PDB file of N, CA and C in Angstrom:
ATOM      1  N   MET A   1       9.984  -3.763  12.379  1.00  0.00           N
ATOM      2  CA  MET A   1      10.587  -3.694  11.117  1.00  0.00           C
ATOM      3  C   MET A   1      10.223  -2.364  10.643  1.00  0.00           C
ATOM      4  N   PRO A   2      11.090  -1.627   9.893  1.00  0.00           N
ATOM      5  CA  PRO A   2      10.728  -0.466   9.122  1.00  0.00           C
ATOM      6  C   PRO A   2       9.945  -0.827   8.008  1.00  0.00           C
ATOM      7  N   PHE A   3       9.192   0.188   7.337  1.00  0.00           N
ATOM      8  CA  PHE A   3       8.536  -0.054   6.117  1.00  0.00           C
ATOM      9  C   PHE A   3       9.614  -0.037   5.018  1.00  0.00           C
ATOM     10  N   LEU A   4       9.472  -1.022   4.067  1.00  0.00           N
ATOM     11  CA  LEU A   4      10.389  -1.216   2.963  1.00  0.00           C
ATOM     12  C   LEU A   4       9.694  -1.129   1.766  1.00  0.00           C
ATOM     13  N   GLN A   5      10.268  -0.420   0.866  1.00  0.00           N
ATOM     14  CA  GLN A   5       9.791  -0.172  -0.546  1.00  0.00           C
ATOM     15  C   GLN A   5      10.873  -0.126  -1.455  1.00  0.00           C
ATOM     16  N   LEU A   6      10.941  -1.308  -2.379  1.00  0.00           N
ATOM     17  CA  LEU A   6      12.039  -1.498  -3.265  1.00  0.00           C
ATOM     18  C   LEU A   6      11.492  -1.441  -4.789  1.00  0.00           C
ATOM     19  N   THR A   7      12.328  -0.994  -5.676  1.00  0.00           N
ATOM     20  CA  THR A   7      11.986  -1.061  -6.976  1.00  0.00           C
ATOM     21  C   THR A   7      12.844  -2.277  -7.677  1.00  0.00           C
ATOM     22  N   ALA A   8      12.050  -3.180  -8.175  1.00  0.00           N
ATOM     23  CA  ALA A   8      12.529  -4.372  -8.773  1.00  0.00           C
ATOM     24  C   ALA A   8      13.219  -3.989 -10.086  1.00  0.00           C
ATOM     25  N   PRO A   9      14.042  -4.793 -10.861  1.00  0.00           N
ATOM     26  CA  PRO A   9      14.608  -4.534 -11.974  1.00  0.00           C
ATOM     27  C   PRO A   9      13.481  -4.355 -13.130  1.00  0.00           C
ATOM     28  N   SER A  10      12.406  -4.957 -12.882  1.00  0.00           N
ATOM     29  CA  SER A  10      11.254  -4.876 -13.930  1.00  0.00           C
ATOM     30  C   SER A  10      10.596  -3.632 -13.831  1.00  0.00           C
ATOM     31  N   GLY A  11      10.793  -2.837 -12.842  1.00  0.00           N
ATOM     32  CA  GLY A  11      10.135  -1.539 -12.414  1.00  0.00           C
ATOM     33  C   GLY A  11       8.929  -1.852 -11.519  1.00  0.00           C
ATOM     34  N   ASP A  12       8.573  -2.920 -11.281  1.00  0.00           N
ATOM     35  CA  ASP A  12       7.569  -3.187 -10.168  1.00  0.00           C
ATOM     36  C   ASP A  12       7.981  -2.659  -8.920  1.00  0.00           C
ATOM     37  N   VAL A  13       7.160  -2.286  -7.962  1.00  0.00           N
ATOM     38  CA  VAL A  13       7.448  -1.818  -6.729  1.00  0.00           C
ATOM     39  C   VAL A  13       6.960  -2.824  -5.685  1.00  0.00           C
ATOM     40  N   TRP A  14       8.030  -3.295  -4.844  1.00  0.00           N
ATOM     41  CA  TRP A  14       7.664  -4.353  -3.790  1.00  0.00           C
ATOM     42  C   TRP A  14       7.595  -3.606  -2.482  1.00  0.00           C
ATOM     43  N   THR A  15       6.716  -3.914  -1.653  1.00  0.00           N
ATOM     44  CA  THR A  15       6.589  -3.261  -0.307  1.00  0.00           C
ATOM     45  C   THR A  15       6.310  -4.200   0.801  1.00  0.00           C
ATOM     46  N   TRP A  16       6.997  -4.108   1.884  1.00  0.00           N
ATOM     47  CA  TRP A  16       6.620  -4.902   3.114  1.00  0.00           C
ATOM     48  C   TRP A  16       6.506  -4.031   4.201  1.00  0.00           C
ATOM     49  N   GLY A  17       5.728  -4.427   5.216  1.00  0.00           N
ATOM     50  CA  GLY A  17       5.538  -3.802   6.491  1.00  0.00           C
ATOM     51  C   GLY A  17       4.257  -2.688   6.377  1.00  0.00           C
ATOM     52  N   ASP A  18       4.257  -1.898   7.279  1.00  0.00           N
ATOM     53  CA  ASP A  18       3.196  -0.914   7.547  1.00  0.00           C
ATOM     54  C   ASP A  18       3.731   0.367   6.952  1.00  0.00           C
ATOM     55  N   SER A  19       2.977   0.850   5.896  1.00  0.00           N
ATOM     56  CA  SER A  19       3.361   2.098   5.333  1.00  0.00           C
ATOM     57  C   SER A  19       3.234   3.260   6.113  1.00  0.00           C
ATOM     58  N   SER A  20       2.616   3.260   7.309  1.00  0.00           N
ATOM     59  CA  SER A  20       2.388   4.352   8.186  1.00  0.00           C
ATOM     60  C   SER A  20       3.634   4.410   9.160  1.00  0.00           C
ATOM     61  N   GLU A  21       4.513   3.443   9.226  1.00  0.00           N
ATOM     62  CA  GLU A  21       5.674   3.394   9.928  1.00  0.00           C
ATOM     63  C   GLU A  21       6.625   4.628   9.693  1.00  0.00           C
ATOM     64  N   THR A  22       7.182   5.256  10.708  1.00  0.00           N
ATOM     65  CA  THR A  22       8.006   6.394  10.514  1.00  0.00           C
ATOM     66  C   THR A  22       9.394   6.099  10.159  1.00  0.00           C
ATOM     67  N   SER A  23       9.915   4.812  10.319  1.00  0.00           N
ATOM     68  CA  SER A  23      11.144   4.427   9.864  1.00  0.00           C
ATOM     69  C   SER A  23      10.878   3.658   8.488  1.00  0.00           C
ATOM     70  N   LYS A  24      11.747   4.106   7.474  1.00  0.00           N
ATOM     71  CA  LYS A  24      11.349   3.655   6.161  1.00  0.00           C
ATOM     72  C   LYS A  24      12.759   3.366   5.415  1.00  0.00           C
ATOM     73  N   ILE A  25      12.616   2.491   4.596  1.00  0.00           N
ATOM     74  CA  ILE A  25      13.960   2.128   3.617  1.00  0.00           C
ATOM     75  C   ILE A  25      13.331   2.058   2.247  1.00  0.00           C
ATOM     76  N   SER A  26      13.877   2.734   1.375  1.00  0.00           N
ATOM     77  CA  SER A  26      13.412   2.729  -0.014  1.00  0.00           C
ATOM     78  C   SER A  26      14.517   2.845  -0.912  1.00  0.00           C
ATOM     79  N   GLY A  27      14.321   2.393  -2.199  1.00  0.00           N
ATOM     80  CA  GLY A  27      15.399   2.365  -3.315  1.00  0.00           C
ATOM     81  C   GLY A  27      15.246   1.115  -4.141  1.00  0.00           C
ATOM     82  N   ASP A  28      16.405   0.964  -4.878  1.00  0.00           N
ATOM     83  CA  ASP A  28      16.618  -0.053  -5.812  1.00  0.00           C
ATOM     84  C   ASP A  28      16.775  -1.677  -5.062  1.00  0.00           C
ATOM     85  N   ALA A  29      16.027  -2.527  -5.611  1.00  0.00           N
ATOM     86  CA  ALA A  29      16.174  -3.774  -4.858  1.00  0.00           C
ATOM     87  C   ALA A  29      17.472  -4.484  -5.075  1.00  0.00           C
ATOM     88  N   ALA A  30      18.048  -4.214  -6.190  1.00  0.00           N
ATOM     89  CA  ALA A  30      19.384  -4.796  -6.410  1.00  0.00           C
ATOM     90  C   ALA A  30      20.460  -4.206  -5.316  1.00  0.00           C
ATOM     91  N   GLU A  31      20.445  -2.761  -5.187  1.00  0.00           N
ATOM     92  CA  GLU A  31      21.198  -2.267  -4.157  1.00  0.00           C
ATOM     93  C   GLU A  31      21.028  -2.705  -2.766  1.00  0.00           C
ATOM     94  N   PHE A  32      19.695  -2.829  -2.548  1.00  0.00           N
ATOM     95  CA  PHE A  32      19.360  -3.451  -1.238  1.00  0.00           C
ATOM     96  C   PHE A  32      19.939  -4.857  -0.941  1.00  0.00           C
ATOM     97  N   ALA A  33      19.814  -5.676  -2.030  1.00  0.00           N
ATOM     98  CA  ALA A  33      20.388  -7.044  -2.004  1.00  0.00           C
ATOM     99  C   ALA A  33      21.906  -7.035  -1.961  1.00  0.00           C
ATOM    100  N   GLN A  34      22.576  -6.126  -2.473  1.00  0.00           N
ATOM    101  CA  GLN A  34      24.118  -5.926  -2.341  1.00  0.00           C
ATOM    102  C   GLN A  34      24.409  -5.593  -0.870  1.00  0.00           C
ATOM    103  N   VAL A  35      23.641  -4.687  -0.399  1.00  0.00           N
ATOM    104  CA  VAL A  35      23.908  -4.361   1.170  1.00  0.00           C
ATOM    105  C   VAL A  35      23.718  -5.506   1.998  1.00  0.00           C
ATOM    106  N   VAL A  36      22.694  -6.220   1.847  1.00  0.00           N
ATOM    107  CA  VAL A  36      22.254  -7.242   2.995  1.00  0.00           C
ATOM    108  C   VAL A  36      23.266  -8.576   2.567  1.00  0.00           C
ATOM    109  N   THR A  37      23.808  -8.746   1.476  1.00  0.00           N
ATOM    110  CA  THR A  37      24.865  -9.849   1.184  1.00  0.00           C
ATOM    111  C   THR A  37      26.186  -9.203   1.352  1.00  0.00           C
ATOM    112  N   GLN A  38      26.246  -8.122   1.931  1.00  0.00           N
ATOM    113  CA  GLN A  38      27.584  -7.524   2.526  1.00  0.00           C
ATOM    114  C   GLN A  38      28.623  -7.454   1.247  1.00  0.00           C
ATOM    115  N   THR A  39      28.064  -7.137   0.027  1.00  0.00           N
ATOM    116  CA  THR A  39      29.114  -6.962  -1.107  1.00  0.00           C
ATOM    117  C   THR A  39      29.173  -5.537  -1.415  1.00  0.00           C
ATOM    118  N   ARG A  40      28.412  -4.679  -0.672  1.00  0.00           N
ATOM    119  CA  ARG A  40      28.392  -3.294  -0.991  1.00  0.00           C
ATOM    120  C   ARG A  40      28.051  -2.479   0.289  1.00  0.00           C
ATOM    121  N   ASN A  41      28.778  -1.434   0.497  1.00  0.00           N
ATOM    122  CA  ASN A  41      28.430  -0.413   1.754  1.00  0.00           C
ATOM    123  C   ASN A  41      27.288   0.346   1.321  1.00  0.00           C
ATOM    124  N   ILE A  42      26.351   0.512   2.219  1.00  0.00           N
ATOM    125  CA  ILE A  42      25.242   1.441   2.040  1.00  0.00           C
ATOM    126  C   ILE A  42      25.469   2.686   1.566  1.00  0.00           C
ATOM    127  N   ALA A  43      26.689   3.211   2.015  1.00  0.00           N
ATOM    128  CA  ALA A  43      27.088   4.650   1.631  1.00  0.00           C
ATOM    129  C   ALA A  43      27.410   4.627   0.142  1.00  0.00           C
ATOM    130  N   ASP A  44      27.500   3.590  -0.581  1.00  0.00           N
ATOM    131  CA  ASP A  44      27.693   3.570  -2.014  1.00  0.00           C
ATOM    132  C   ASP A  44      26.571   3.357  -2.709  1.00  0.00           C
ATOM    133  N   THR A  45      25.390   3.415  -2.179  1.00  0.00           N
ATOM    134  CA  THR A  45      24.145   3.243  -2.750  1.00  0.00           C
ATOM    135  C   THR A  45      23.256   4.467  -2.779  1.00  0.00           C
ATOM    136  N   ALA A  46      22.175   4.335  -3.396  1.00  0.00           N
ATOM    137  CA  ALA A  46      21.148   5.594  -3.396  1.00  0.00           C
ATOM    138  C   ALA A  46      19.936   5.274  -2.558  1.00  0.00           C
ATOM    139  N   LEU A  47      20.201   4.084  -1.652  1.00  0.00           N
ATOM    140  CA  LEU A  47      19.016   3.759  -0.843  1.00  0.00           C
ATOM    141  C   LEU A  47      18.844   4.973   0.154  1.00  0.00           C
ATOM    142  N   VAL A  48      17.551   5.078   0.417  1.00  0.00           N
ATOM    143  CA  VAL A  48      17.033   6.255   1.416  1.00  0.00           C
ATOM    144  C   VAL A  48      16.468   5.428   2.700  1.00  0.00           C
ATOM    145  N   VAL A  49      17.209   5.791   3.745  1.00  0.00           N
ATOM    146  CA  VAL A  49      16.981   5.203   5.092  1.00  0.00           C
ATOM    147  C   VAL A  49      16.607   6.322   5.960  1.00  0.00           C
ATOM    148  N   VAL A  50      15.294   6.313   6.402  1.00  0.00           N
ATOM    149  CA  VAL A  50      14.819   7.379   7.231  1.00  0.00           C
ATOM    150  C   VAL A  50      14.385   6.843   8.691  1.00  0.00           C
ATOM    151  N   GLY A  51      14.940   7.390   9.616  1.00  0.00           N
ATOM    152  CA  GLY A  51      14.510   7.075  11.086  1.00  0.00           C
ATOM    153  C   GLY A  51      15.603   6.199  11.675  1.00  0.00           C
ATOM    154  N   GLU A  52      15.595   6.264  13.105  1.00  0.00           N
ATOM    155  CA  GLU A  52      16.567   5.490  13.786  1.00  0.00           C
ATOM    156  C   GLU A  52      16.453   3.962  13.754  1.00  0.00           C
ATOM    157  N   GLU A  53      15.194   3.569  13.791  1.00  0.00           N
ATOM    158  CA  GLU A  53      14.974   2.089  13.609  1.00  0.00           C
ATOM    159  C   GLU A  53      15.445   1.487  12.302  1.00  0.00           C
ATOM    160  N   ALA A  54      15.305   2.210  11.092  1.00  0.00           N
ATOM    161  CA  ALA A  54      15.649   1.903   9.918  1.00  0.00           C
ATOM    162  C   ALA A  54      17.191   1.828   9.732  1.00  0.00           C
ATOM    163  N   GLN A  55      17.810   2.912  10.381  1.00  0.00           N
ATOM    164  CA  GLN A  55      19.190   2.861  10.357  1.00  0.00           C
ATOM    165  C   GLN A  55      19.848   1.760  11.113  1.00  0.00           C
ATOM    166  N   ARG A  56      19.279   1.331  12.276  1.00  0.00           N
ATOM    167  CA  ARG A  56      19.661   0.331  13.107  1.00  0.00           C
ATOM    168  C   ARG A  56      19.524  -1.033  12.300  1.00  0.00           C
ATOM    169  N   TRP A  57      18.373  -1.155  11.702  1.00  0.00           N
ATOM    170  CA  TRP A  57      17.959  -2.353  11.018  1.00  0.00           C
ATOM    171  C   TRP A  57      18.876  -2.712   9.711  1.00  0.00           C
ATOM    172  N   MET A  58      19.277  -1.636   9.007  1.00  0.00           N
ATOM    173  CA  MET A  58      20.185  -1.695   7.971  1.00  0.00           C
ATOM    174  C   MET A  58      21.520  -1.905   8.471  1.00  0.00           C
ATOM    175  N   SER A  59      21.905  -1.719   9.608  1.00  0.00           N
ATOM    176  CA  SER A  59      23.257  -1.985  10.107  1.00  0.00           C
ATOM    177  C   SER A  59      23.434  -3.459  10.432  1.00  0.00           C
ATOM    178  N   VAL A  60      22.432  -4.218  10.717  1.00  0.00           N
ATOM    179  CA  VAL A  60      22.405  -5.691  11.011  1.00  0.00           C
ATOM    180  C   VAL A  60      21.866  -6.343  10.078  1.00  0.00           C
ATOM    181  N   ALA A  61      21.100  -6.003   9.028  1.00  0.00           N
ATOM    182  CA  ALA A  61      20.522  -6.888   8.066  1.00  0.00           C
ATOM    183  C   ALA A  61      21.473  -7.615   7.187  1.00  0.00           C
ATOM    184  N   GLN A  62      21.218  -8.823   7.136  1.00  0.00           N
ATOM    185  CA  GLN A  62      21.976  -9.833   6.371  1.00  0.00           C
ATOM    186  C   GLN A  62      21.265 -10.981   5.858  1.00  0.00           C
ATOM    187  N   CYS A  63      21.732 -11.656   4.910  1.00  0.00           N
ATOM    188  CA  CYS A  63      20.804 -12.848   4.362  1.00  0.00           C
ATOM    189  C   CYS A  63      21.615 -14.149   4.676  1.00  0.00           C
ATOM    190  N   PHE A  64      22.500 -14.113   5.564  1.00  0.00           N
ATOM    191  CA  PHE A  64      23.107 -15.413   6.026  1.00  0.00           C
ATOM    192  C   PHE A  64      23.527 -15.381   7.439  1.00  0.00           C
ATOM    193  N   ALA A  65      24.079 -16.486   8.025  1.00  0.00           N
ATOM    194  CA  ALA A  65      24.238 -16.469   9.447  1.00  0.00           C
ATOM    195  C   ALA A  65      25.718 -16.002   9.604  1.00  0.00           C
ATOM    196  N   GLY A  66      26.009 -15.505  10.991  1.00  0.00           N
ATOM    197  CA  GLY A  66      27.306 -15.110  11.264  1.00  0.00           C
ATOM    198  C   GLY A  66      27.289 -13.708  11.644  1.00  0.00           C
ATOM    199  N   PRO A  67      28.376 -13.018  12.114  1.00  0.00           N
ATOM    200  CA  PRO A  67      28.376 -11.680  12.618  1.00  0.00           C
ATOM    201  C   PRO A  67      28.131 -10.735  11.510  1.00  0.00           C
ATOM    202  N   SER A  68      27.461  -9.660  11.756  1.00  0.00           N
ATOM    203  CA  SER A  68      27.229  -8.565  10.806  1.00  0.00           C
ATOM    204  C   SER A  68      28.563  -7.932  10.369  1.00  0.00           C
ATOM    205  N   GLU A  69      28.662  -7.558   9.188  1.00  0.00           N
ATOM    206  CA  GLU A  69      29.896  -7.026   8.666  1.00  0.00           C
ATOM    207  C   GLU A  69      29.597  -5.959   7.519  1.00  0.00           C
ATOM    208  N   SER A  70      30.184  -4.872   7.540  1.00  0.00           N
ATOM    209  CA  SER A  70      29.933  -3.832   6.571  1.00  0.00           C
ATOM    210  C   SER A  70      31.203  -3.504   5.878  1.00  0.00           C
ATOM    211  N   PRO A  71      31.277  -3.652   4.543  1.00  0.00           N
ATOM    212  CA  PRO A  71      32.621  -3.215   3.968  1.00  0.00           C
ATOM    213  C   PRO A  71      32.797  -1.759   3.949  1.00  0.00           C
ATOM    214  N   ALA A  72      33.978  -1.157   4.013  1.00  0.00           N
ATOM    215  CA  ALA A  72      34.129   0.169   4.148  1.00  0.00           C
ATOM    216  C   ALA A  72      33.688   0.771   2.683  1.00  0.00           C
ATOM    217  N   PRO A  73      33.201   1.994   2.782  1.00  0.00           N
ATOM    218  CA  PRO A  73      32.718   2.691   1.581  1.00  0.00           C
ATOM    219  C   PRO A  73      33.689   2.613   0.595  1.00  0.00           C
ATOM    220  N   GLY A  74      33.243   2.355  -0.765  1.00  0.00           N
ATOM    221  CA  GLY A  74      34.236   2.350  -1.861  1.00  0.00           C
ATOM    222  C   GLY A  74      35.067   1.182  -2.069  1.00  0.00           C
ATOM    223  N   THR A  75      35.023   0.184  -1.265  1.00  0.00           N
ATOM    224  CA  THR A  75      36.126  -1.066  -1.212  1.00  0.00           C
ATOM    225  C   THR A  75      35.617  -2.141  -1.991  1.00  0.00           C
ATOM    226  N   ARG A  76      34.376  -2.249  -2.243  1.00  0.00           N
ATOM    227  CA  ARG A  76      33.846  -3.493  -2.930  1.00  0.00           C
ATOM    228  C   ARG A  76      33.081  -3.129  -4.205  1.00  0.00           C
ATOM    229  N   PHE A  77      32.388  -3.890  -4.780  1.00  0.00           N
ATOM    230  CA  PHE A  77      31.692  -3.750  -6.057  1.00  0.00           C
ATOM    231  C   PHE A  77      30.869  -2.384  -6.041  1.00  0.00           C
ATOM    232  N   ARG A  78      30.943  -1.661  -7.019  1.00  0.00           N
ATOM    233  CA  ARG A  78      30.293  -0.430  -7.160  1.00  0.00           C
ATOM    234  C   ARG A  78      29.467  -0.541  -8.536  1.00  0.00           C
ATOM    235  N   HIS A  79      28.248  -0.357  -8.478  1.00  0.00           N
ATOM    236  CA  HIS A  79      27.306  -0.399  -9.581  1.00  0.00           C
ATOM    237  C   HIS A  79      27.506   0.830 -10.484  1.00  0.00           C
ATOM    238  N   ALA A  80      27.737   0.694 -11.773  1.00  0.00           N
ATOM    239  CA  ALA A  80      27.994   1.639 -12.738  1.00  0.00           C
ATOM    240  C   ALA A  80      26.624   2.464 -13.157  1.00  0.00           C
TER     241      ALA A  80
END
């Protein structure tokens, strides 16, 4: 698992994993949730994904069973 650092709506910072990991994902927790619930393409977010493992992980991350799917950029909900 890559190191994960997300900023909660409250401004708190949530982290998971080993911070020395070279693969990292960081950004807004709501945007992360939108990507893993497949309501938003990662290209439509400001999430920062560094490293091959982090890229692979985000391409399959989801919060429910079934095949992984990613909506085309700009085709679903866009945060204003």
